[in-house]
Amino acid sequence: MKKIGEIIANGETLDVVRTSFPNGAACIVLTDAIGALSARISVNVPEVSPYLSADLFLAKTYSENQLLRAPLLGSGLFTDTGERIDSGFVQLEIWKINF
């Protein structure tokens, strides 16, 4: 796991951490001041995730992560590519990692 930055969301400073899913796909999580998992930003879809380039990931921006989208994109760490994939009843956004 590697800290790549931090954001402020809901008045709390959260570390943005990059790691990998078991299949090698990029995994982005947020941790709090004591290192506890606060949110998982990326989603692993085995039919898609392993085929994305190393600087792309599937971002979960719905449900409990909805309020995290703006701070994450505003951090400059990520860019929304504008591409989407359907996964069940939701669409996942494809984001680029800018570091």
PDB file of N, CA and C in Angstrom:
ATOM      1  N   MET A   1       0.841  -1.169   0.000  1.00  0.00           N
ATOM      2  CA  MET A   1       0.000   0.000   0.000  1.00  0.00           C
ATOM      3  C   MET A   1       0.891   1.238   0.000  1.00  0.00           C
ATOM      4  N   LYS A   2       0.482   2.222  -0.814  1.00  0.00           N
ATOM      5  CA  LYS A   2       1.276   3.425  -0.940  1.00  0.00           C
ATOM      6  C   LYS A   2       0.369   4.645  -0.863  1.00  0.00           C
ATOM      7  N   LYS A   3       0.649   5.525   0.081  1.00  0.00           N
ATOM      8  CA  LYS A   3      -0.101   6.777   0.178  1.00  0.00           C
ATOM      9  C   LYS A   3       0.275   7.650  -1.009  1.00  0.00           C
ATOM     10  N   ILE A   4      -0.759   8.136  -1.723  1.00  0.00           N
ATOM     11  CA  ILE A   4      -0.500   8.971  -2.895  1.00  0.00           C
ATOM     12  C   ILE A   4      -0.994  10.398  -2.704  1.00  0.00           C
ATOM     13  N   GLY A   5      -1.685  10.660  -1.611  1.00  0.00           N
ATOM     14  CA  GLY A   5      -2.182  12.005  -1.348  1.00  0.00           C
ATOM     15  C   GLY A   5      -3.199  11.978  -0.237  1.00  0.00           C
ATOM     16  N   GLU A   6      -3.900  13.107  -0.109  1.00  0.00           N
ATOM     17  CA  GLU A   6      -4.972  13.174   0.877  1.00  0.00           C
ATOM     18  C   GLU A   6      -6.050  14.124   0.389  1.00  0.00           C
ATOM     19  N   ILE A   7      -7.244  13.926   0.930  1.00  0.00           N
ATOM     20  CA  ILE A   7      -8.371  14.790   0.618  1.00  0.00           C
ATOM     21  C   ILE A   7      -9.049  15.176   1.928  1.00  0.00           C
ATOM     22  N   ILE A   8      -9.851  16.197   1.859  1.00  0.00           N
ATOM     23  CA  ILE A   8     -10.712  16.550   2.980  1.00  0.00           C
ATOM     24  C   ILE A   8     -12.146  16.293   2.542  1.00  0.00           C
ATOM     25  N   ALA A   9     -12.831  15.437   3.279  1.00  0.00           N
ATOM     26  CA  ALA A   9     -14.222  15.089   2.971  1.00  0.00           C
ATOM     27  C   ALA A   9     -15.000  15.058   4.277  1.00  0.00           C
ATOM     28  N   ASN A  10     -16.142  15.695   4.280  1.00  0.00           N
ATOM     29  CA  ASN A  10     -16.979  15.756   5.482  1.00  0.00           C
ATOM     30  C   ASN A  10     -16.197  16.280   6.686  1.00  0.00           C
ATOM     31  N   GLY A  11     -15.293  17.237   6.448  1.00  0.00           N
ATOM     32  CA  GLY A  11     -14.526  17.838   7.530  1.00  0.00           C
ATOM     33  C   GLY A  11     -13.395  16.981   8.071  1.00  0.00           C
ATOM     34  N   GLU A  12     -13.130  15.863   7.432  1.00  0.00           N
ATOM     35  CA  GLU A  12     -12.093  14.940   7.908  1.00  0.00           C
ATOM     36  C   GLU A  12     -11.012  14.791   6.846  1.00  0.00           C
ATOM     37  N   THR A  13      -9.753  14.793   7.266  1.00  0.00           N
ATOM     38  CA  THR A  13      -8.649  14.550   6.346  1.00  0.00           C
ATOM     39  C   THR A  13      -8.463  13.046   6.206  1.00  0.00           C
ATOM     40  N   LEU A  14      -8.482  12.585   4.968  1.00  0.00           N
ATOM     41  CA  LEU A  14      -8.352  11.164   4.666  1.00  0.00           C
ATOM     42  C   LEU A  14      -7.157  10.949   3.745  1.00  0.00           C
ATOM     43  N   ASP A  15      -6.388   9.907   4.009  1.00  0.00           N
ATOM     44  CA  ASP A  15      -5.284   9.529   3.135  1.00  0.00           C
ATOM     45  C   ASP A  15      -5.834   8.756   1.946  1.00  0.00           C
ATOM     46  N   VAL A  16      -5.307   9.058   0.770  1.00  0.00           N
ATOM     47  CA  VAL A  16      -5.639   8.318  -0.448  1.00  0.00           C
ATOM     48  C   VAL A  16      -4.505   7.318  -0.654  1.00  0.00           C
ATOM     49  N   VAL A  17      -4.856   6.054  -0.688  1.00  0.00           N
ATOM     50  CA  VAL A  17      -3.867   4.978  -0.730  1.00  0.00           C
ATOM     51  C   VAL A  17      -4.098   4.099  -1.955  1.00  0.00           C
ATOM     52  N   ARG A  18      -3.005   3.789  -2.629  1.00  0.00           N
ATOM     53  CA  ARG A  18      -3.091   2.877  -3.773  1.00  0.00           C
ATOM     54  C   ARG A  18      -2.536   1.522  -3.372  1.00  0.00           C
ATOM     55  N   THR A  19      -3.271   0.496  -3.732  1.00  0.00           N
ATOM     56  CA  THR A  19      -2.835  -0.874  -3.544  1.00  0.00           C
ATOM     57  C   THR A  19      -3.327  -1.647  -4.768  1.00  0.00           C
ATOM     58  N   SER A  20      -3.376  -2.950  -4.705  1.00  0.00           N
ATOM     59  CA  SER A  20      -3.843  -3.750  -5.841  1.00  0.00           C
ATOM     60  C   SER A  20      -4.797  -4.831  -5.370  1.00  0.00           C
ATOM     61  N   PHE A  21      -5.741  -5.155  -6.237  1.00  0.00           N
ATOM     62  CA  PHE A  21      -6.583  -6.322  -6.016  1.00  0.00           C
ATOM     63  C   PHE A  21      -5.742  -7.565  -6.319  1.00  0.00           C
ATOM     64  N   PRO A  22      -6.155  -8.754  -5.877  1.00  0.00           N
ATOM     65  CA  PRO A  22      -5.368  -9.967  -6.136  1.00  0.00           C
ATOM     66  C   PRO A  22      -5.062 -10.217  -7.617  1.00  0.00           C
ATOM     67  N   ASN A  23      -5.934  -9.740  -8.507  1.00  0.00           N
ATOM     68  CA  ASN A  23      -5.689  -9.949  -9.938  1.00  0.00           C
ATOM     69  C   ASN A  23      -4.796  -8.860 -10.537  1.00  0.00           C
ATOM     70  N   GLY A  24      -4.251  -7.976  -9.703  1.00  0.00           N
ATOM     71  CA  GLY A  24      -3.326  -6.944 -10.164  1.00  0.00           C
ATOM     72  C   GLY A  24      -3.964  -5.618 -10.522  1.00  0.00           C
ATOM     73  N   ALA A  25      -5.288  -5.550 -10.571  1.00  0.00           N
ATOM     74  CA  ALA A  25      -5.977  -4.303 -10.898  1.00  0.00           C
ATOM     75  C   ALA A  25      -5.761  -3.270  -9.792  1.00  0.00           C
ATOM     76  N   ALA A  26      -5.691  -2.003 -10.176  1.00  0.00           N
ATOM     77  CA  ALA A  26      -5.485  -0.921  -9.211  1.00  0.00           C
ATOM     78  C   ALA A  26      -6.636  -0.858  -8.219  1.00  0.00           C
ATOM     79  N   CYS A  27      -6.296  -0.665  -6.968  1.00  0.00           N
ATOM     80  CA  CYS A  27      -7.272  -0.537  -5.891  1.00  0.00           C
ATOM     81  C   CYS A  27      -6.968   0.762  -5.149  1.00  0.00           C
ATOM     82  N   ILE A  28      -7.961   1.645  -5.057  1.00  0.00           N
ATOM     83  CA  ILE A  28      -7.805   2.924  -4.369  1.00  0.00           C
ATOM     84  C   ILE A  28      -8.711   2.917  -3.147  1.00  0.00           C
ATOM     85  N   VAL A  29      -8.121   3.200  -1.984  1.00  0.00           N
ATOM     86  CA  VAL A  29      -8.883   3.241  -0.738  1.00  0.00           C
ATOM     87  C   VAL A  29      -8.567   4.541  -0.002  1.00  0.00           C
ATOM     88  N   LEU A  30      -9.455   4.898   0.924  1.00  0.00           N
ATOM     89  CA  LEU A  30      -9.236   6.026   1.809  1.00  0.00           C
ATOM     90  C   LEU A  30      -9.091   5.488   3.218  1.00  0.00           C
ATOM     91  N   THR A  31      -8.111   6.032   3.947  1.00  0.00           N
ATOM     92  CA  THR A  31      -7.924   5.633   5.340  1.00  0.00           C
ATOM     93  C   THR A  31      -7.977   6.878   6.218  1.00  0.00           C
ATOM     94  N   ASP A  32      -8.361   6.677   7.469  1.00  0.00           N
ATOM     95  CA  ASP A  32      -8.471   7.800   8.399  1.00  0.00           C
ATOM     96  C   ASP A  32      -7.142   8.040   9.113  1.00  0.00           C
ATOM     97  N   ALA A  33      -7.159   8.923  10.092  1.00  0.00           N
ATOM     98  CA  ALA A  33      -5.939   9.344  10.796  1.00  0.00           C
ATOM     99  C   ALA A  33      -5.193   8.199  11.477  1.00  0.00           C
ATOM    100  N   ILE A  34      -5.907   7.137  11.850  1.00  0.00           N
ATOM    101  CA  ILE A  34      -5.230   6.012  12.499  1.00  0.00           C
ATOM    102  C   ILE A  34      -4.968   4.854  11.528  1.00  0.00           C
ATOM    103  N   GLY A  35      -5.241   5.088  10.237  1.00  0.00           N
ATOM    104  CA  GLY A  35      -4.972   4.074   9.226  1.00  0.00           C
ATOM    105  C   GLY A  35      -6.090   3.094   8.977  1.00  0.00           C
ATOM    106  N   ALA A  36      -7.236   3.326   9.602  1.00  0.00           N
ATOM    107  CA  ALA A  36      -8.378   2.426   9.389  1.00  0.00           C
ATOM    108  C   ALA A  36      -9.049   2.730   8.054  1.00  0.00           C
ATOM    109  N   LEU A  37      -9.518   1.704   7.396  1.00  0.00           N
ATOM    110  CA  LEU A  37     -10.216   1.858   6.122  1.00  0.00           C
ATOM    111  C   LEU A  37     -11.465   2.707   6.311  1.00  0.00           C
ATOM    112  N   SER A  38     -11.572   3.757   5.538  1.00  0.00           N
ATOM    113  CA  SER A  38     -12.730   4.646   5.588  1.00  0.00           C
ATOM    114  C   SER A  38     -13.649   4.404   4.400  1.00  0.00           C
ATOM    115  N   ALA A  39     -13.054   4.148   3.222  1.00  0.00           N
ATOM    116  CA  ALA A  39     -13.853   3.900   2.008  1.00  0.00           C
ATOM    117  C   ALA A  39     -12.996   3.203   0.967  1.00  0.00           C
ATOM    118  N   ARG A  40     -13.634   2.384   0.166  1.00  0.00           N
ATOM    119  CA  ARG A  40     -12.979   1.790  -1.001  1.00  0.00           C
ATOM    120  C   ARG A  40     -13.543   2.524  -2.208  1.00  0.00           C
ATOM    121  N   ILE A  41     -12.674   3.152  -2.965  1.00  0.00           N
ATOM    122  CA  ILE A  41     -13.089   3.960  -4.108  1.00  0.00           C
ATOM    123  C   ILE A  41     -13.159   3.120  -5.383  1.00  0.00           C
ATOM    124  N   SER A  42     -12.293   2.160  -5.516  1.00  0.00           N
ATOM    125  CA  SER A  42     -12.267   1.352  -6.733  1.00  0.00           C
ATOM    126  C   SER A  42     -13.078   0.079  -6.572  1.00  0.00           C
ATOM    127  N   VAL A  43     -13.489  -0.432  -7.706  1.00  0.00           N
ATOM    128  CA  VAL A  43     -14.263  -1.666  -7.762  1.00  0.00           C
ATOM    129  C   VAL A  43     -13.523  -2.634  -8.685  1.00  0.00           C
ATOM    130  N   ASN A  44     -13.494  -3.888  -8.314  1.00  0.00           N
ATOM    131  CA  ASN A  44     -12.851  -4.914  -9.127  1.00  0.00           C
ATOM    132  C   ASN A  44     -13.924  -5.705  -9.859  1.00  0.00           C
ATOM    133  N   VAL A  45     -13.962  -5.566 -11.160  1.00  0.00           N
ATOM    134  CA  VAL A  45     -14.869  -6.350 -12.006  1.00  0.00           C
ATOM    135  C   VAL A  45     -13.978  -7.274 -12.833  1.00  0.00           C
ATOM    136  N   PRO A  46     -13.905  -8.557 -12.460  1.00  0.00           N
ATOM    137  CA  PRO A  46     -12.941  -9.458 -13.093  1.00  0.00           C
ATOM    138  C   PRO A  46     -13.001  -9.517 -14.620  1.00  0.00           C
ATOM    139  N   GLU A  47     -14.173  -9.236 -15.189  1.00  0.00           N
ATOM    140  CA  GLU A  47     -14.288  -9.266 -16.649  1.00  0.00           C
ATOM    141  C   GLU A  47     -13.699  -8.024 -17.304  1.00  0.00           C
ATOM    142  N   VAL A  48     -13.420  -6.979 -16.514  1.00  0.00           N
ATOM    143  CA  VAL A  48     -12.950  -5.703 -17.068  1.00  0.00           C
ATOM    144  C   VAL A  48     -11.645  -5.236 -16.434  1.00  0.00           C
ATOM    145  N   SER A  49     -11.582  -5.221 -15.110  1.00  0.00           N
ATOM    146  CA  SER A  49     -10.468  -4.603 -14.377  1.00  0.00           C
ATOM    147  C   SER A  49      -9.079  -5.042 -14.838  1.00  0.00           C
ATOM    148  N   PRO A  50      -8.825  -6.342 -15.025  1.00  0.00           N
ATOM    149  CA  PRO A  50      -7.470  -6.749 -15.409  1.00  0.00           C
ATOM    150  C   PRO A  50      -7.043  -6.244 -16.793  1.00  0.00           C
ATOM    151  N   TYR A  51      -7.988  -5.809 -17.593  1.00  0.00           N
ATOM    152  CA  TYR A  51      -7.680  -5.375 -18.953  1.00  0.00           C
ATOM    153  C   TYR A  51      -7.474  -3.871 -19.071  1.00  0.00           C
ATOM    154  N   LEU A  52      -7.675  -3.138 -17.971  1.00  0.00           N
ATOM    155  CA  LEU A  52      -7.414  -1.706 -17.961  1.00  0.00           C
ATOM    156  C   LEU A  52      -5.914  -1.483 -17.811  1.00  0.00           C
ATOM    157  N   SER A  53      -5.412  -0.402 -18.391  1.00  0.00           N
ATOM    158  CA  SER A  53      -3.992  -0.096 -18.214  1.00  0.00           C
ATOM    159  C   SER A  53      -3.730   0.217 -16.742  1.00  0.00           C
ATOM    160  N   ALA A  54      -2.472   0.181 -16.345  1.00  0.00           N
ATOM    161  CA  ALA A  54      -2.085   0.328 -14.938  1.00  0.00           C
ATOM    162  C   ALA A  54      -2.509   1.662 -14.338  1.00  0.00           C
ATOM    163  N   ASP A  55      -2.745   2.675 -15.180  1.00  0.00           N
ATOM    164  CA  ASP A  55      -3.112   3.996 -14.665  1.00  0.00           C
ATOM    165  C   ASP A  55      -4.622   4.247 -14.688  1.00  0.00           C
ATOM    166  N   LEU A  56      -5.416   3.196 -14.925  1.00  0.00           N
ATOM    167  CA  LEU A  56      -6.874   3.318 -14.941  1.00  0.00           C
ATOM    168  C   LEU A  56      -7.501   2.393 -13.902  1.00  0.00           C
ATOM    169  N   PHE A  57      -8.664   2.810 -13.389  1.00  0.00           N
ATOM    170  CA  PHE A  57      -9.417   1.951 -12.480  1.00  0.00           C
ATOM    171  C   PHE A  57     -10.896   2.271 -12.572  1.00  0.00           C
ATOM    172  N   LEU A  58     -11.716   1.343 -12.070  1.00  0.00           N
ATOM    173  CA  LEU A  58     -13.167   1.524 -12.035  1.00  0.00           C
ATOM    174  C   LEU A  58     -13.537   2.193 -10.717  1.00  0.00           C
ATOM    175  N   ALA A  59     -14.096   3.398 -10.794  1.00  0.00           N
ATOM    176  CA  ALA A  59     -14.414   4.174  -9.601  1.00  0.00           C
ATOM    177  C   ALA A  59     -15.868   3.977  -9.195  1.00  0.00           C
ATOM    178  N   LYS A  60     -16.052   3.707  -7.916  1.00  0.00           N
ATOM    179  CA  LYS A  60     -17.388   3.594  -7.335  1.00  0.00           C
ATOM    180  C   LYS A  60     -17.774   4.977  -6.807  1.00  0.00           C
ATOM    181  N   THR A  61     -18.632   5.664  -7.541  1.00  0.00           N
ATOM    182  CA  THR A  61     -19.010   7.030  -7.168  1.00  0.00           C
ATOM    183  C   THR A  61     -20.486   7.125  -6.792  1.00  0.00           C
ATOM    184  N   TYR A  62     -21.107   6.024  -6.521  1.00  0.00           N
ATOM    185  CA  TYR A  62     -22.517   6.004  -6.142  1.00  0.00           C
ATOM    186  C   TYR A  62     -22.631   5.597  -4.670  1.00  0.00           C
ATOM    187  N   SER A  63     -23.835   5.620  -4.164  1.00  0.00           N
ATOM    188  CA  SER A  63     -24.141   5.199  -2.798  1.00  0.00           C
ATOM    189  C   SER A  63     -23.291   5.962  -1.787  1.00  0.00           C
ATOM    190  N   GLU A  64     -22.639   5.259  -0.863  1.00  0.00           N
ATOM    191  CA  GLU A  64     -21.889   5.926   0.204  1.00  0.00           C
ATOM    192  C   GLU A  64     -20.691   6.721  -0.302  1.00  0.00           C
ATOM    193  N   ASN A  65     -20.253   6.486  -1.533  1.00  0.00           N
ATOM    194  CA  ASN A  65     -19.113   7.220  -2.092  1.00  0.00           C
ATOM    195  C   ASN A  65     -19.521   8.466  -2.865  1.00  0.00           C
ATOM    196  N   GLN A  66     -20.785   8.726  -3.005  1.00  0.00           N
ATOM    197  CA  GLN A  66     -21.260   9.836  -3.821  1.00  0.00           C
ATOM    198  C   GLN A  66     -20.638  11.176  -3.390  1.00  0.00           C
ATOM    199  N   LEU A  67     -20.555  11.422  -2.091  1.00  0.00           N
ATOM    200  CA  LEU A  67     -20.013  12.692  -1.602  1.00  0.00           C
ATOM    201  C   LEU A  67     -18.486  12.770  -1.689  1.00  0.00           C
ATOM    202  N   LEU A  68     -17.843  11.673  -2.033  1.00  0.00           N
ATOM    203  CA  LEU A  68     -16.386  11.658  -2.154  1.00  0.00           C
ATOM    204  C   LEU A  68     -15.909  11.998  -3.564  1.00  0.00           C
ATOM    205  N   ARG A  69     -16.813  11.931  -4.550  1.00  0.00           N
ATOM    206  CA  ARG A  69     -16.434  12.139  -5.951  1.00  0.00           C
ATOM    207  C   ARG A  69     -15.772  13.500  -6.165  1.00  0.00           C
ATOM    208  N   ALA A  70     -16.425  14.577  -5.748  1.00  0.00           N
ATOM    209  CA  ALA A  70     -15.895  15.924  -5.981  1.00  0.00           C
ATOM    210  C   ALA A  70     -14.546  16.148  -5.285  1.00  0.00           C
ATOM    211  N   PRO A  71     -14.395  15.789  -3.991  1.00  0.00           N
ATOM    212  CA  PRO A  71     -13.076  15.983  -3.373  1.00  0.00           C
ATOM    213  C   PRO A  71     -11.966  15.155  -4.039  1.00  0.00           C
ATOM    214  N   LEU A  72     -12.295  13.952  -4.468  1.00  0.00           N
ATOM    215  CA  LEU A  72     -11.288  13.114  -5.118  1.00  0.00           C
ATOM    216  C   LEU A  72     -10.846  13.709  -6.451  1.00  0.00           C
ATOM    217  N   LEU A  73     -11.802  14.099  -7.276  1.00  0.00           N
ATOM    218  CA  LEU A  73     -11.441  14.691  -8.564  1.00  0.00           C
ATOM    219  C   LEU A  73     -10.791  16.057  -8.370  1.00  0.00           C
ATOM    220  N   GLY A  74     -11.228  16.804  -7.376  1.00  0.00           N
ATOM    221  CA  GLY A  74     -10.655  18.109  -7.088  1.00  0.00           C
ATOM    222  C   GLY A  74      -9.232  18.050  -6.561  1.00  0.00           C
ATOM    223  N   SER A  75      -8.819  16.886  -6.084  1.00  0.00           N
ATOM    224  CA  SER A  75      -7.469  16.730  -5.535  1.00  0.00           C
ATOM    225  C   SER A  75      -6.393  16.761  -6.615  1.00  0.00           C
ATOM    226  N   GLY A  76      -6.779  16.533  -7.855  1.00  0.00           N
ATOM    227  CA  GLY A  76      -5.804  16.450  -8.937  1.00  0.00           C
ATOM    228  C   GLY A  76      -5.149  15.089  -9.063  1.00  0.00           C
ATOM    229  N   LEU A  77      -5.463  14.189  -8.143  1.00  0.00           N
ATOM    230  CA  LEU A  77      -4.879  12.848  -8.195  1.00  0.00           C
ATOM    231  C   LEU A  77      -5.503  11.994  -9.297  1.00  0.00           C
ATOM    232  N   PHE A  78      -6.740  12.327  -9.681  1.00  0.00           N
ATOM    233  CA  PHE A  78      -7.481  11.510 -10.631  1.00  0.00           C
ATOM    234  C   PHE A  78      -8.176  12.378 -11.678  1.00  0.00           C
ATOM    235  N   THR A  79      -8.424  11.779 -12.835  1.00  0.00           N
ATOM    236  CA  THR A  79      -9.205  12.408 -13.895  1.00  0.00           C
ATOM    237  C   THR A  79     -10.288  11.430 -14.328  1.00  0.00           C
ATOM    238  N   ASP A  80     -11.509  11.916 -14.443  1.00  0.00           N
ATOM    239  CA  ASP A  80     -12.600  11.102 -14.981  1.00  0.00           C
ATOM    240  C   ASP A  80     -12.419  11.057 -16.498  1.00  0.00           C
ATOM    241  N   THR A  81     -12.266   9.863 -17.055  1.00  0.00           N
ATOM    242  CA  THR A  81     -12.052   9.720 -18.499  1.00  0.00           C
ATOM    243  C   THR A  81     -13.321   9.955 -19.298  1.00  0.00           C
ATOM    244  N   GLY A  82     -14.469   9.944 -18.631  1.00  0.00           N
ATOM    245  CA  GLY A  82     -15.748  10.066 -19.328  1.00  0.00           C
ATOM    246  C   GLY A  82     -16.294   8.723 -19.787  1.00  0.00           C
ATOM    247  N   GLU A  83     -15.505   7.681 -19.652  1.00  0.00           N
ATOM    248  CA  GLU A  83     -15.946   6.343 -20.044  1.00  0.00           C
ATOM    249  C   GLU A  83     -16.670   5.678 -18.881  1.00  0.00           C
ATOM    250  N   ARG A  84     -17.678   4.869 -19.205  1.00  0.00           N
ATOM    251  CA  ARG A  84     -18.487   4.180 -18.205  1.00  0.00           C
ATOM    252  C   ARG A  84     -18.675   2.722 -18.618  1.00  0.00           C
ATOM    253  N   ILE A  85     -18.837   1.858 -17.611  1.00  0.00           N
ATOM    254  CA  ILE A  85     -19.243   0.483 -17.887  1.00  0.00           C
ATOM    255  C   ILE A  85     -20.438   0.167 -16.987  1.00  0.00           C
ATOM    256  N   ASP A  86     -21.330  -0.627 -17.512  1.00  0.00           N
ATOM    257  CA  ASP A  86     -22.476  -1.074 -16.726  1.00  0.00           C
ATOM    258  C   ASP A  86     -22.062  -2.245 -15.864  1.00  0.00           C
ATOM    259  N   SER A  87     -22.505  -2.219 -14.609  1.00  0.00           N
ATOM    260  CA  SER A  87     -22.244  -3.315 -13.684  1.00  0.00           C
ATOM    261  C   SER A  87     -23.496  -3.498 -12.836  1.00  0.00           C
ATOM    262  N   GLY A  88     -24.266  -4.481 -13.175  1.00  0.00           N
ATOM    263  CA  GLY A  88     -25.537  -4.680 -12.475  1.00  0.00           C
ATOM    264  C   GLY A  88     -26.467  -3.515 -12.752  1.00  0.00           C
ATOM    265  N   PHE A  89     -26.920  -2.856 -11.683  1.00  0.00           N
ATOM    266  CA  PHE A  89     -27.849  -1.749 -11.814  1.00  0.00           C
ATOM    267  C   PHE A  89     -27.171  -0.389 -11.793  1.00  0.00           C
ATOM    268  N   VAL A  90     -25.850  -0.352 -11.810  1.00  0.00           N
ATOM    269  CA  VAL A  90     -25.114   0.911 -11.720  1.00  0.00           C
ATOM    270  C   VAL A  90     -24.128   1.042 -12.874  1.00  0.00           C
ATOM    271  N   GLN A  91     -23.624   2.259 -13.031  1.00  0.00           N
ATOM    272  CA  GLN A  91     -22.535   2.501 -13.969  1.00  0.00           C
ATOM    273  C   GLN A  91     -21.290   2.841 -13.174  1.00  0.00           C
ATOM    274  N   LEU A  92     -20.192   2.247 -13.572  1.00  0.00           N
ATOM    275  CA  LEU A  92     -18.904   2.547 -12.957  1.00  0.00           C
ATOM    276  C   LEU A  92     -18.148   3.502 -13.867  1.00  0.00           C
ATOM    277  N   GLU A  93     -17.527   4.504 -13.272  1.00  0.00           N
ATOM    278  CA  GLU A  93     -16.739   5.462 -14.018  1.00  0.00           C
ATOM    279  C   GLU A  93     -15.303   4.949 -14.150  1.00  0.00           C
ATOM    280  N   ILE A  94     -14.695   5.181 -15.290  1.00  0.00           N
ATOM    281  CA  ILE A  94     -13.294   4.832 -15.468  1.00  0.00           C
ATOM    282  C   ILE A  94     -12.482   6.094 -15.218  1.00  0.00           C
ATOM    283  N   TRP A  95     -11.616   6.029 -14.191  1.00  0.00           N
ATOM    284  CA  TRP A  95     -10.770   7.161 -13.819  1.00  0.00           C
ATOM    285  C   TRP A  95      -9.312   6.851 -14.130  1.00  0.00           C
ATOM    286  N   LYS A  96      -8.583   7.924 -14.411  1.00  0.00           N
ATOM    287  CA  LYS A  96      -7.136   7.830 -14.650  1.00  0.00           C
ATOM    288  C   LYS A  96      -6.414   8.302 -13.392  1.00  0.00           C
ATOM    289  N   ILE A  97      -5.369   7.598 -13.013  1.00  0.00           N
ATOM    290  CA  ILE A  97      -4.514   7.969 -11.890  1.00  0.00           C
ATOM    291  C   ILE A  97      -3.434   8.909 -12.440  1.00  0.00           C
ATOM    292  N   ASN A  98      -3.330  10.107 -11.870  1.00  0.00           N
ATOM    293  CA  ASN A  98      -2.435  11.142 -12.417  1.00  0.00           C
ATOM    294  C   ASN A  98      -1.106  11.248 -11.659  1.00  0.00           C
ATOM    295  N   PHE A  99      -0.459  10.186 -11.331  1.00  0.00           N
ATOM    296  CA  PHE A  99       0.825  10.306 -10.636  1.00  0.00           C
ATOM    297  C   PHE A  99       1.785   9.242 -11.111  1.00  0.00           C
TER     298      PHE A  99
END
